[in-house]
Amino acid sequence: MAARVEKKVTAASAGAYVASTGLLASLAAVQDDARLVEWMPGVLSPFVLALVPAAITFVGGWLARHTPRGPAGV
């Protein structure tokens, strides 16, 4: 059985995806050339390229050790 993904890992991955998509879309609009990847339509490329940092964030969060919590009230 696979281990559960903690909510902080999912939230960090989603945040990285949203932030990267916005950044890449802004860069494409500013430079007036949406060809971030020539073989891909310009409208689609920011969303596809944003998967790279989201995947890196997910793997980093997944591999990070969980910090044990002490007893309540400490």
C-alpha atoms as a PDB file:
ATOM      1  CA  MET A   1       0.000   0.000   0.000  1.00  0.00           C
ATOM      2  CA  ALA A   2       1.325   3.435  -0.916  1.00  0.00           C
ATOM      3  CA  ALA A   3       1.969   5.998   1.775  1.00  0.00           C
ATOM      4  CA  ARG A   4      -0.447   8.916   2.018  1.00  0.00           C
ATOM      5  CA  VAL A   5       0.618  12.281   0.658  1.00  0.00           C
ATOM      6  CA  GLU A   6       0.576  14.924   3.374  1.00  0.00           C
ATOM      7  CA  LYS A   7      -1.592  17.969   2.779  1.00  0.00           C
ATOM      8  CA  LYS A   8       1.424  20.289   2.989  1.00  0.00           C
ATOM      9  CA  VAL A   9       3.038  18.491   0.041  1.00  0.00           C
ATOM     10  CA  THR A  10      -0.112  18.777  -2.066  1.00  0.00           C
ATOM     11  CA  ALA A  11      -0.564  22.444  -1.152  1.00  0.00           C
ATOM     12  CA  ALA A  12       3.077  23.267  -1.923  1.00  0.00           C
ATOM     13  CA  SER A  13       2.840  21.524  -5.297  1.00  0.00           C
ATOM     14  CA  ALA A  14      -0.355  23.354  -6.220  1.00  0.00           C
ATOM     15  CA  GLY A  15       1.117  26.673  -5.104  1.00  0.00           C
ATOM     16  CA  ALA A  16       4.256  26.126  -7.166  1.00  0.00           C
ATOM     17  CA  TYR A  17       2.156  25.257 -10.211  1.00  0.00           C
ATOM     18  CA  VAL A  18      -0.070  28.336  -9.901  1.00  0.00           C
ATOM     19  CA  ALA A  19       2.864  30.665  -9.260  1.00  0.00           C
ATOM     20  CA  SER A  20       4.913  29.242 -12.135  1.00  0.00           C
ATOM     21  CA  THR A  21       1.974  29.440 -14.538  1.00  0.00           C
ATOM     22  CA  GLY A  22       1.426  33.092 -13.701  1.00  0.00           C
ATOM     23  CA  LEU A  23       5.104  33.914 -13.989  1.00  0.00           C
ATOM     24  CA  LEU A  24       5.557  32.140 -17.302  1.00  0.00           C
ATOM     25  CA  ALA A  25       2.389  33.681 -18.751  1.00  0.00           C
ATOM     26  CA  SER A  26       3.586  37.134 -17.667  1.00  0.00           C
ATOM     27  CA  LEU A  27       7.001  36.593 -19.231  1.00  0.00           C
ATOM     28  CA  ALA A  28       5.419  35.420 -22.473  1.00  0.00           C
ATOM     29  CA  ALA A  29       3.165  38.487 -22.586  1.00  0.00           C
ATOM     30  CA  VAL A  30       5.976  40.916 -21.775  1.00  0.00           C
ATOM     31  CA  GLN A  31       8.384  39.670 -24.398  1.00  0.00           C
ATOM     32  CA  ASP A  32       5.543  39.557 -26.986  1.00  0.00           C
ATOM     33  CA  ASP A  33       6.622  36.075 -28.010  1.00  0.00           C
ATOM     34  CA  ALA A  34       4.626  33.211 -26.497  1.00  0.00           C
ATOM     35  CA  ARG A  35       6.890  30.576 -28.116  1.00  0.00           C
ATOM     36  CA  LEU A  36       8.408  29.253 -24.903  1.00  0.00           C
ATOM     37  CA  VAL A  37       8.467  25.870 -26.608  1.00  0.00           C
ATOM     38  CA  GLU A  38       8.136  26.079 -30.397  1.00  0.00           C
ATOM     39  CA  TRP A  39       6.345  22.778 -30.978  1.00  0.00           C
ATOM     40  CA  MET A  40       3.651  23.649 -28.434  1.00  0.00           C
ATOM     41  CA  PRO A  41       0.885  26.242 -28.917  1.00  0.00           C
ATOM     42  CA  GLY A  42       1.769  29.479 -27.122  1.00  0.00           C
ATOM     43  CA  VAL A  43      -1.405  29.412 -25.036  1.00  0.00           C
ATOM     44  CA  LEU A  44      -0.627  25.922 -23.703  1.00  0.00           C
ATOM     45  CA  SER A  45       3.115  26.230 -23.036  1.00  0.00           C
ATOM     46  CA  PRO A  46       2.982  28.133 -19.688  1.00  0.00           C
ATOM     47  CA  PHE A  47       0.711  25.469 -18.211  1.00  0.00           C
ATOM     48  CA  VAL A  48       2.843  22.556 -19.409  1.00  0.00           C
ATOM     49  CA  LEU A  49       6.146  24.164 -18.391  1.00  0.00           C
ATOM     50  CA  ALA A  50       4.739  24.944 -14.946  1.00  0.00           C
ATOM     51  CA  LEU A  51       4.490  21.200 -14.284  1.00  0.00           C
ATOM     52  CA  VAL A  52       8.285  20.985 -13.966  1.00  0.00           C
ATOM     53  CA  PRO A  53       8.665  23.081 -10.775  1.00  0.00           C
ATOM     54  CA  ALA A  54       5.448  21.588  -9.400  1.00  0.00           C
ATOM     55  CA  ALA A  55       6.882  18.087  -9.849  1.00  0.00           C
ATOM     56  CA  ILE A  56      10.186  19.119  -8.280  1.00  0.00           C
ATOM     57  CA  THR A  57       8.331  20.624  -5.310  1.00  0.00           C
ATOM     58  CA  PHE A  58       6.243  17.480  -4.905  1.00  0.00           C
ATOM     59  CA  VAL A  59       9.253  15.154  -4.971  1.00  0.00           C
ATOM     60  CA  GLY A  60      11.178  17.374  -2.550  1.00  0.00           C
ATOM     61  CA  GLY A  61       8.236  17.455  -0.154  1.00  0.00           C
ATOM     62  CA  TRP A  62       7.695  13.718  -0.488  1.00  0.00           C
ATOM     63  CA  LEU A  63      11.319  12.901   0.257  1.00  0.00           C
ATOM     64  CA  ALA A  64      11.656  15.390   3.117  1.00  0.00           C
ATOM     65  CA  ARG A  65      11.616  13.820   6.551  1.00  0.00           C
ATOM     66  CA  HIS A  66       8.633  14.563   8.678  1.00  0.00           C
ATOM     67  CA  THR A  67       9.445  16.518  11.820  1.00  0.00           C
ATOM     68  CA  PRO A  68       8.087  14.566  14.786  1.00  0.00           C
ATOM     69  CA  ARG A  69       5.807  16.544  17.045  1.00  0.00           C
ATOM     70  CA  GLY A  70       6.290  16.483  20.763  1.00  0.00           C
ATOM     71  CA  PRO A  71       3.573  15.840  23.300  1.00  0.00           C
ATOM     72  CA  ALA A  72       0.705  18.337  23.363  1.00  0.00           C
ATOM     73  CA  GLY A  73       1.385  21.394  25.491  1.00  0.00           C
ATOM     74  CA  VAL A  74       5.166  21.314  25.088  1.00  0.00           C
END
